[in-house]
Amino acid sequence: MKEAWRRWKALIAASLVAPILATTLSATLLAMLVFPELIFQAEVSSGVYRDASVREIATSLVGFGLMGLVFGVMLGWPAMAIGGVPMHAFLVRIRRTGFSMYALSGALLGTLVMLIYFFGTSGFRDPVSVLTSGPILLSGPVAGLLTAAQFWLIRRPDQIDLS
């Protein structure tokens, strides 16, 4: 009985923690890639910039991280409940519990969530703009892959005894 409860706690912890950590990390990384001028430069006056101090860089990164945390709650938790946990159950049932299978599944699910979000917020008015968003298109697959990796590390489905 204690073993079953421990497995449930690991599943719940992985389902709640992984999406938030992954979106926080991916938002921070993508901010450095997409908006480096907002992180590494500080505006002195209109059109005049200087290099940002370590404190200013840290503040910017925390801000983008908090935005990622909000997206983790808004999109990550529902995606985990609707797609991630059923995908986990399916992969365990077919005995495909390796890290690479979870990473691939997470990247695909993250891509699907990203496309639903982008098309739902603006894409139906201008569908081409979704596909020409550049590095922002990496947000879904990166967040999905990171979520699946963290879920796998917390839950360790490769150690589930199916006998």
Protein backbone atom coordinates (compact mmCIF):
# COMPACT_ATOMS: atom_id res chain seq x y z
CA MET A 1 0.00 0.00 0.00
CA LYS A 2 2.82 2.40 0.82
CA GLU A 3 4.47 1.68 -2.53
CA ALA A 4 1.26 2.47 -4.42
CA TRP A 5 0.86 5.75 -2.50
CA ARG A 6 4.49 6.67 -3.25
CA ARG A 7 3.89 6.09 -6.97
CA TRP A 8 0.75 8.26 -6.90
CA LYS A 9 2.63 11.04 -5.13
CA ALA A 10 5.38 10.88 -7.75
CA LEU A 11 2.81 11.06 -10.56
CA ILE A 12 1.04 14.03 -8.98
CA ALA A 13 4.32 15.83 -8.26
CA ALA A 14 5.58 15.24 -11.79
CA SER A 15 2.29 16.41 -13.30
CA LEU A 16 2.24 19.63 -11.28
CA VAL A 17 5.92 20.57 -11.20
CA ALA A 18 7.20 19.64 -14.67
CA PRO A 19 5.01 22.01 -16.76
CA ILE A 20 5.80 25.02 -14.57
CA LEU A 21 9.56 24.45 -14.48
CA ALA A 22 9.69 23.72 -18.20
CA THR A 23 7.75 26.80 -19.30
CA THR A 24 9.71 29.00 -16.91
CA LEU A 25 13.01 27.74 -18.32
CA SER A 26 11.90 27.82 -21.96
CA ALA A 27 10.47 31.36 -21.62
CA THR A 28 13.77 32.55 -20.16
CA LEU A 29 15.86 30.86 -22.85
CA LEU A 30 13.63 32.05 -25.68
CA ALA A 31 13.66 35.60 -24.30
CA MET A 32 17.45 35.61 -24.55
CA LEU A 33 17.20 34.31 -28.12
CA VAL A 34 14.31 36.46 -29.38
CA PHE A 35 14.63 39.67 -27.33
CA PRO A 36 18.32 40.03 -26.38
CA GLU A 37 18.06 43.83 -26.46
CA LEU A 38 15.43 43.73 -23.70
CA ILE A 39 17.71 41.68 -21.47
CA PHE A 40 21.28 42.72 -22.16
CA GLN A 41 20.76 46.44 -22.79
CA ALA A 42 19.23 49.26 -20.75
CA GLU A 43 17.72 52.37 -22.31
CA VAL A 44 19.36 55.56 -21.09
CA SER A 45 17.18 57.94 -23.08
CA SER A 46 15.10 57.71 -26.23
CA GLY A 47 17.11 55.58 -28.63
CA VAL A 48 20.29 55.57 -26.51
CA TYR A 49 21.27 52.27 -24.91
CA ARG A 50 24.05 50.98 -22.67
CA ASP A 51 25.04 47.51 -21.55
CA ALA A 52 22.82 46.27 -18.74
CA SER A 53 24.28 45.56 -15.32
CA VAL A 54 24.11 42.07 -13.82
CA ARG A 55 21.23 43.20 -11.62
CA GLU A 56 19.27 44.53 -14.60
CA ILE A 57 19.88 41.33 -16.55
CA ALA A 58 18.74 39.23 -13.59
CA THR A 59 15.62 41.36 -13.19
CA SER A 60 14.73 40.93 -16.86
CA LEU A 61 15.29 37.18 -16.72
CA VAL A 62 13.12 36.88 -13.60
CA GLY A 63 10.38 38.81 -15.37
CA PHE A 64 10.43 36.50 -18.38
CA GLY A 65 10.62 33.50 -16.03
CA LEU A 66 7.48 34.68 -14.24
CA MET A 67 5.73 35.03 -17.59
CA GLY A 68 6.74 31.43 -18.30
CA LEU A 69 5.37 30.36 -14.94
CA VAL A 70 2.01 31.93 -15.78
CA PHE A 71 1.97 30.12 -19.13
CA GLY A 72 2.82 26.91 -17.30
CA VAL A 73 -0.29 27.30 -15.19
CA MET A 74 -2.52 28.49 -18.07
CA LEU A 75 -1.36 26.06 -20.75
CA GLY A 76 0.96 23.52 -19.13
CA TRP A 77 -1.33 22.14 -16.46
CA PRO A 78 -4.31 21.67 -18.81
CA ALA A 79 -2.03 20.13 -21.45
CA MET A 80 -0.61 17.76 -18.84
CA ALA A 81 -4.09 16.77 -17.65
CA ILE A 82 -5.59 16.38 -21.13
CA GLY A 83 -2.61 15.01 -23.05
CA GLY A 84 0.39 14.31 -20.84
CA VAL A 85 -1.02 11.96 -18.22
CA PRO A 86 -3.03 9.93 -20.79
CA MET A 87 0.12 9.75 -22.95
CA HIS A 88 2.06 8.51 -19.91
CA ALA A 89 -0.58 5.82 -19.25
CA PHE A 90 -0.48 4.78 -22.91
CA LEU A 91 3.33 4.59 -23.01
CA VAL A 92 3.40 2.53 -19.81
CA ARG A 93 0.72 0.21 -21.18
CA ILE A 94 2.67 -0.45 -24.40
CA ARG A 95 5.91 -0.68 -22.38
CA ARG A 96 7.66 2.24 -24.10
CA THR A 97 8.99 3.96 -20.99
CA GLY A 98 12.39 5.11 -22.23
CA PHE A 99 13.53 8.69 -21.97
CA SER A 100 13.65 9.25 -25.74
CA MET A 101 10.03 8.10 -26.21
CA TYR A 102 8.87 10.53 -23.51
CA ALA A 103 10.96 13.36 -24.97
CA LEU A 104 9.54 12.80 -28.46
CA SER A 105 5.98 12.57 -27.13
CA GLY A 106 6.47 15.74 -25.10
CA ALA A 107 7.84 17.67 -28.07
CA LEU A 108 4.89 16.58 -30.21
CA LEU A 109 2.34 17.43 -27.52
CA GLY A 110 4.05 20.79 -26.90
CA THR A 111 3.91 21.57 -30.62
CA LEU A 112 0.21 20.74 -30.70
CA VAL A 113 -0.52 22.95 -27.67
CA MET A 114 1.51 25.80 -29.20
CA LEU A 115 -0.38 25.59 -32.50
CA ILE A 116 -3.76 25.49 -30.73
CA TYR A 117 -2.75 28.53 -28.65
CA PHE A 118 -1.37 30.54 -31.59
CA PHE A 119 -4.28 29.76 -33.89
CA GLY A 120 -6.75 30.37 -31.08
CA THR A 121 -5.35 33.78 -30.18
CA SER A 122 -4.64 35.25 -33.61
CA GLY A 123 -4.01 32.66 -36.27
CA PHE A 124 -7.46 32.40 -37.76
CA ARG A 125 -7.32 36.06 -38.75
CA ASP A 126 -3.85 35.71 -40.25
CA PRO A 127 -2.75 32.04 -40.39
CA VAL A 128 0.50 32.80 -42.24
CA SER A 129 1.69 34.97 -39.35
CA VAL A 130 1.71 31.90 -37.08
CA LEU A 131 4.04 30.04 -39.40
CA THR A 132 6.36 33.03 -39.88
CA SER A 133 6.82 33.74 -36.18
CA GLY A 134 10.46 32.67 -36.27
CA PRO A 135 12.05 31.43 -33.06
CA ILE A 136 8.76 31.79 -31.17
CA LEU A 137 7.71 28.60 -32.97
CA LEU A 138 10.29 26.80 -30.84
CA SER A 139 8.36 27.59 -27.66
CA GLY A 140 5.98 24.64 -27.93
CA PRO A 141 8.42 21.87 -28.81
CA VAL A 142 11.04 23.13 -26.33
CA ALA A 143 8.53 23.45 -23.48
CA GLY A 144 7.02 20.06 -24.33
CA LEU A 145 10.40 18.36 -24.46
CA LEU A 146 11.52 19.95 -21.18
CA THR A 147 8.23 19.06 -19.51
CA ALA A 148 8.47 15.44 -20.64
CA ALA A 149 12.10 15.22 -19.54
CA GLN A 150 11.32 16.59 -16.08
CA PHE A 151 8.22 14.40 -15.79
CA TRP A 152 10.33 11.36 -16.69
CA LEU A 153 13.03 12.28 -14.16
CA ILE A 154 10.49 12.77 -11.35
CA ARG A 155 8.19 9.82 -12.13
CA ARG A 156 10.82 7.43 -13.55
CA PRO A 157 8.39 5.34 -15.64
CA ASP A 158 11.23 3.02 -16.65
CA GLN A 159 11.19 1.68 -13.07
CA ILE A 160 7.47 0.86 -12.98
CA ASP A 161 6.91 -2.83 -12.27
CA LEU A 162 4.21 -4.05 -14.67
CA SER A 163 4.14 -7.65 -13.51
